[in-house]
Amino acid sequence: MRKPLVKQALREARKSHEPVTVSSIATVAGVSTDFIYRHDELRPQVEALRRARASSGAPALVNDPDIAAADSTLVRRLSQQLADARRRHREEVAELHRALETRKVRWFCSRRRVADGSRSEASHTRQSD
C-alpha cells in the first residue's frame, strides 16, 4: 500500500532534477526512511537515482550563462583567497621556524655558559683544597 507512494515519489524526483536522498523520497512519499531501507526493491531504486543525479550534476543550471559566470567568478575568488591563505601560512611557519632556531641557539649558549661556569667552579674548588 505504501510502496506505490514511494514509486510515485521516485517518478516525481526524476522529473524535478532536485537532489535525491532516501530522506527526501521518504518525506515526499509520507513514509519513514526505515521503510525504504527495509524494502529490497525500493532502496536500490532510490540509490540508483541518487547516484545518477549526483553524476549528472544540475543540467538546468549549466545552460544559464549568468549562473556559469557567477560560479566562475566565485571559483576564482575562492581560489585567490585560498592562495593568499596558503602564502600567509607559509610566511607564518617560516617566521616560527626562525624564532625556534633563535631560541635553540640562545638555549645552547646559555647551557654552555652554565656548563663552563660549573667546570670553572669545580676547578677552583679543587685548587683551593
C-alpha atoms as a PDB file:
ATOM      1  CA  MET A   1       0.000   0.000   0.000  1.00  0.00           C
ATOM      2  CA  ARG A   2       2.862   2.441   0.792  1.00  0.00           C
ATOM      3  CA  LYS A   3       5.216   1.107  -1.893  1.00  0.00           C
ATOM      4  CA  PRO A   4       3.281   2.861  -4.676  1.00  0.00           C
ATOM      5  CA  LEU A   5       3.717   6.133  -2.788  1.00  0.00           C
ATOM      6  CA  VAL A   6       7.491   5.665  -2.823  1.00  0.00           C
ATOM      7  CA  LYS A   7       7.451   4.766  -6.518  1.00  0.00           C
ATOM      8  CA  GLN A   8       5.396   7.893  -7.232  1.00  0.00           C
ATOM      9  CA  ALA A   9       7.879   9.979  -5.247  1.00  0.00           C
ATOM     10  CA  LEU A  10      10.692   8.489  -7.358  1.00  0.00           C
ATOM     11  CA  ARG A  11       8.857   9.404 -10.583  1.00  0.00           C
ATOM     12  CA  GLU A  12       8.400  12.967  -9.331  1.00  0.00           C
ATOM     13  CA  ALA A  13      12.067  13.154  -8.340  1.00  0.00           C
ATOM     14  CA  ARG A  14      13.127  12.069 -11.835  1.00  0.00           C
ATOM     15  CA  LYS A  15      11.133  14.965 -13.304  1.00  0.00           C
ATOM     16  CA  SER A  16      12.232  17.624 -10.802  1.00  0.00           C
ATOM     17  CA  HIS A  17      16.027  17.354 -11.107  1.00  0.00           C
ATOM     18  CA  GLU A  18      16.315  18.025  -7.363  1.00  0.00           C
ATOM     19  CA  PRO A  19      18.938  16.221  -5.262  1.00  0.00           C
ATOM     20  CA  VAL A  20      17.764  12.748  -4.291  1.00  0.00           C
ATOM     21  CA  THR A  21      18.223  11.162  -0.875  1.00  0.00           C
ATOM     22  CA  VAL A  22      16.424   8.388   0.916  1.00  0.00           C
ATOM     23  CA  SER A  23      15.172  11.004   3.335  1.00  0.00           C
ATOM     24  CA  SER A  24      13.793  13.292   0.623  1.00  0.00           C
ATOM     25  CA  ILE A  25      11.970  10.430  -1.111  1.00  0.00           C
ATOM     26  CA  ALA A  26      10.585   9.203   2.215  1.00  0.00           C
ATOM     27  CA  THR A  27       9.337  12.691   3.053  1.00  0.00           C
ATOM     28  CA  VAL A  28       7.565  13.119  -0.287  1.00  0.00           C
ATOM     29  CA  ALA A  29       6.061   9.619  -0.041  1.00  0.00           C
ATOM     30  CA  GLY A  30       4.998  10.119   3.578  1.00  0.00           C
ATOM     31  CA  VAL A  31       6.910   7.073   4.834  1.00  0.00           C
ATOM     32  CA  SER A  32       9.870   6.610   7.133  1.00  0.00           C
ATOM     33  CA  THR A  33      13.399   6.170   5.849  1.00  0.00           C
ATOM     34  CA  ASP A  34      13.385   2.813   7.615  1.00  0.00           C
ATOM     35  CA  PHE A  35      10.511   1.744   5.350  1.00  0.00           C
ATOM     36  CA  ILE A  36      12.646   2.354   2.261  1.00  0.00           C
ATOM     37  CA  TYR A  37      15.727   0.711   3.759  1.00  0.00           C
ATOM     38  CA  ARG A  38      13.714  -2.411   4.706  1.00  0.00           C
ATOM     39  CA  HIS A  39      12.336  -2.982   1.194  1.00  0.00           C
ATOM     40  CA  ASP A  40      14.911  -4.554  -1.071  1.00  0.00           C
ATOM     41  CA  GLU A  41      13.210  -3.361  -4.258  1.00  0.00           C
ATOM     42  CA  LEU A  42      12.837   0.291  -3.182  1.00  0.00           C
ATOM     43  CA  ARG A  43      16.224   1.088  -1.727  1.00  0.00           C
ATOM     44  CA  PRO A  44      18.230   0.219  -4.883  1.00  0.00           C
ATOM     45  CA  GLN A  45      15.896   2.401  -6.961  1.00  0.00           C
ATOM     46  CA  VAL A  46      16.419   5.374  -4.664  1.00  0.00           C
ATOM     47  CA  GLU A  47      20.185   4.842  -4.557  1.00  0.00           C
ATOM     48  CA  ALA A  48      20.414   4.440  -8.338  1.00  0.00           C
ATOM     49  CA  LEU A  49      18.552   7.721  -8.871  1.00  0.00           C
ATOM     50  CA  ARG A  50      20.726   9.426  -6.251  1.00  0.00           C
ATOM     51  CA  ARG A  51      23.926   8.226  -7.969  1.00  0.00           C
ATOM     52  CA  ALA A  52      22.629   9.208 -11.416  1.00  0.00           C
ATOM     53  CA  ARG A  53      21.644  12.644 -10.150  1.00  0.00           C
ATOM     54  CA  ALA A  54      24.970  13.159  -8.410  1.00  0.00           C
ATOM     55  CA  SER A  55      26.978  12.204 -11.508  1.00  0.00           C
ATOM     56  CA  SER A  56      24.889  14.265 -13.917  1.00  0.00           C
ATOM     57  CA  GLY A  57      25.017  17.473 -11.885  1.00  0.00           C
ATOM     58  CA  ALA A  58      22.341  20.117 -12.388  1.00  0.00           C
ATOM     59  CA  PRO A  59      21.712  20.408 -16.121  1.00  0.00           C
ATOM     60  CA  ALA A  60      19.236  23.280 -15.802  1.00  0.00           C
ATOM     61  CA  LEU A  61      21.850  25.481 -14.140  1.00  0.00           C
ATOM     62  CA  VAL A  62      24.703  24.695 -16.528  1.00  0.00           C
ATOM     63  CA  ASN A  63      22.818  26.147 -19.510  1.00  0.00           C
ATOM     64  CA  ASP A  64      22.363  29.535 -17.827  1.00  0.00           C
ATOM     65  CA  PRO A  65      25.353  31.747 -18.743  1.00  0.00           C
ATOM     66  CA  ASP A  66      24.763  34.111 -15.811  1.00  0.00           C
ATOM     67  CA  ILE A  67      24.959  31.272 -13.315  1.00  0.00           C
ATOM     68  CA  ALA A  68      28.009  29.804 -15.053  1.00  0.00           C
ATOM     69  CA  ALA A  69      29.721  33.226 -14.941  1.00  0.00           C
ATOM     70  CA  ALA A  70      28.838  33.670 -11.265  1.00  0.00           C
ATOM     71  CA  ASP A  71      30.175  30.204 -10.492  1.00  0.00           C
ATOM     72  CA  SER A  72      33.351  31.003 -12.404  1.00  0.00           C
ATOM     73  CA  THR A  73      33.791  34.292 -10.537  1.00  0.00           C
ATOM     74  CA  LEU A  74      33.158  32.572  -7.227  1.00  0.00           C
ATOM     75  CA  VAL A  75      35.689  29.859  -8.024  1.00  0.00           C
ATOM     76  CA  ARG A  76      38.307  32.458  -8.996  1.00  0.00           C
ATOM     77  CA  ARG A  77      37.650  34.494  -5.847  1.00  0.00           C
ATOM     78  CA  LEU A  78      37.813  31.453  -3.580  1.00  0.00           C
ATOM     79  CA  SER A  79      40.939  30.196  -5.350  1.00  0.00           C
ATOM     80  CA  GLN A  80      42.602  33.568  -4.766  1.00  0.00           C
ATOM     81  CA  GLN A  81      41.573  33.550  -1.100  1.00  0.00           C
ATOM     82  CA  LEU A  82      42.993  30.054  -0.728  1.00  0.00           C
ATOM     83  CA  ALA A  83      46.255  31.061  -2.406  1.00  0.00           C
ATOM     84  CA  ASP A  84      46.521  34.103  -0.103  1.00  0.00           C
ATOM     85  CA  ALA A  85      45.816  31.979   2.978  1.00  0.00           C
ATOM     86  CA  ARG A  86      48.458  29.440   1.924  1.00  0.00           C
ATOM     87  CA  ARG A  87      51.009  32.222   1.343  1.00  0.00           C
ATOM     88  CA  ARG A  88      50.286  33.710   4.794  1.00  0.00           C
ATOM     89  CA  HIS A  89      50.539  30.256   6.344  1.00  0.00           C
ATOM     90  CA  ARG A  90      53.942  29.624   4.699  1.00  0.00           C
ATOM     91  CA  GLU A  91      55.191  33.025   5.922  1.00  0.00           C
ATOM     92  CA  GLU A  92      53.972  32.364   9.468  1.00  0.00           C
ATOM     93  CA  VAL A  93      55.534  28.899   9.533  1.00  0.00           C
ATOM     94  CA  ALA A  94      58.835  30.317   8.259  1.00  0.00           C
ATOM     95  CA  GLU A  95      58.717  33.025  10.942  1.00  0.00           C
ATOM     96  CA  LEU A  96      58.040  30.417  13.619  1.00  0.00           C
ATOM     97  CA  HIS A  97      60.955  28.298  12.374  1.00  0.00           C
ATOM     98  CA  ARG A  98      63.271  31.339  12.548  1.00  0.00           C
ATOM     99  CA  ALA A  99      62.069  32.107  16.085  1.00  0.00           C
ATOM    100  CA  LEU A 100      62.575  28.494  17.105  1.00  0.00           C
ATOM    101  CA  GLU A 101      66.108  28.446  15.724  1.00  0.00           C
ATOM    102  CA  THR A 102      66.889  31.675  17.581  1.00  0.00           C
ATOM    103  CA  ARG A 103      65.581  30.169  20.815  1.00  0.00           C
ATOM    104  CA  LYS A 104      67.600  26.997  20.249  1.00  0.00           C
ATOM    105  CA  VAL A 105      70.811  28.991  19.739  1.00  0.00           C
ATOM    106  CA  ARG A 106      70.152  31.049  22.878  1.00  0.00           C
ATOM    107  CA  TRP A 107      69.354  27.899  24.853  1.00  0.00           C
ATOM    108  CA  PHE A 108      72.533  26.141  23.727  1.00  0.00           C
ATOM    109  CA  CYS A 109      74.603  29.238  24.512  1.00  0.00           C
ATOM    110  CA  SER A 110      73.112  29.510  27.993  1.00  0.00           C
ATOM    111  CA  ARG A 111      73.670  25.790  28.593  1.00  0.00           C
ATOM    112  CA  ARG A 112      77.269  26.180  27.511  1.00  0.00           C
ATOM    113  CA  ARG A 113      77.760  29.141  29.880  1.00  0.00           C
ATOM    114  CA  VAL A 114      76.208  27.163  32.720  1.00  0.00           C
ATOM    115  CA  ALA A 115      78.368  24.157  31.919  1.00  0.00           C
ATOM    116  CA  ASP A 116      81.526  26.310  31.615  1.00  0.00           C
ATOM    117  CA  GLY A 117      80.664  28.063  34.865  1.00  0.00           C
ATOM    118  CA  SER A 118      80.235  24.832  36.779  1.00  0.00           C
ATOM    119  CA  ARG A 119      83.507  23.479  35.372  1.00  0.00           C
ATOM    120  CA  SER A 120      85.402  26.597  36.424  1.00  0.00           C
ATOM    121  CA  GLU A 121      83.841  26.456  39.900  1.00  0.00           C
ATOM    122  CA  ALA A 122      84.824  22.808  40.167  1.00  0.00           C
ATOM    123  CA  SER A 123      88.398  23.597  39.164  1.00  0.00           C
ATOM    124  CA  HIS A 124      88.537  26.476  41.693  1.00  0.00           C
ATOM    125  CA  THR A 125      87.213  24.200  44.390  1.00  0.00           C
ATOM    126  CA  ARG A 126      89.839  21.533  43.627  1.00  0.00           C
ATOM    127  CA  GLN A 127      92.665  24.089  43.575  1.00  0.00           C
ATOM    128  CA  SER A 128      91.713  25.553  46.936  1.00  0.00           C
ATOM    129  CA  ASP A 129      91.575  22.124  48.611  1.00  0.00           C
END
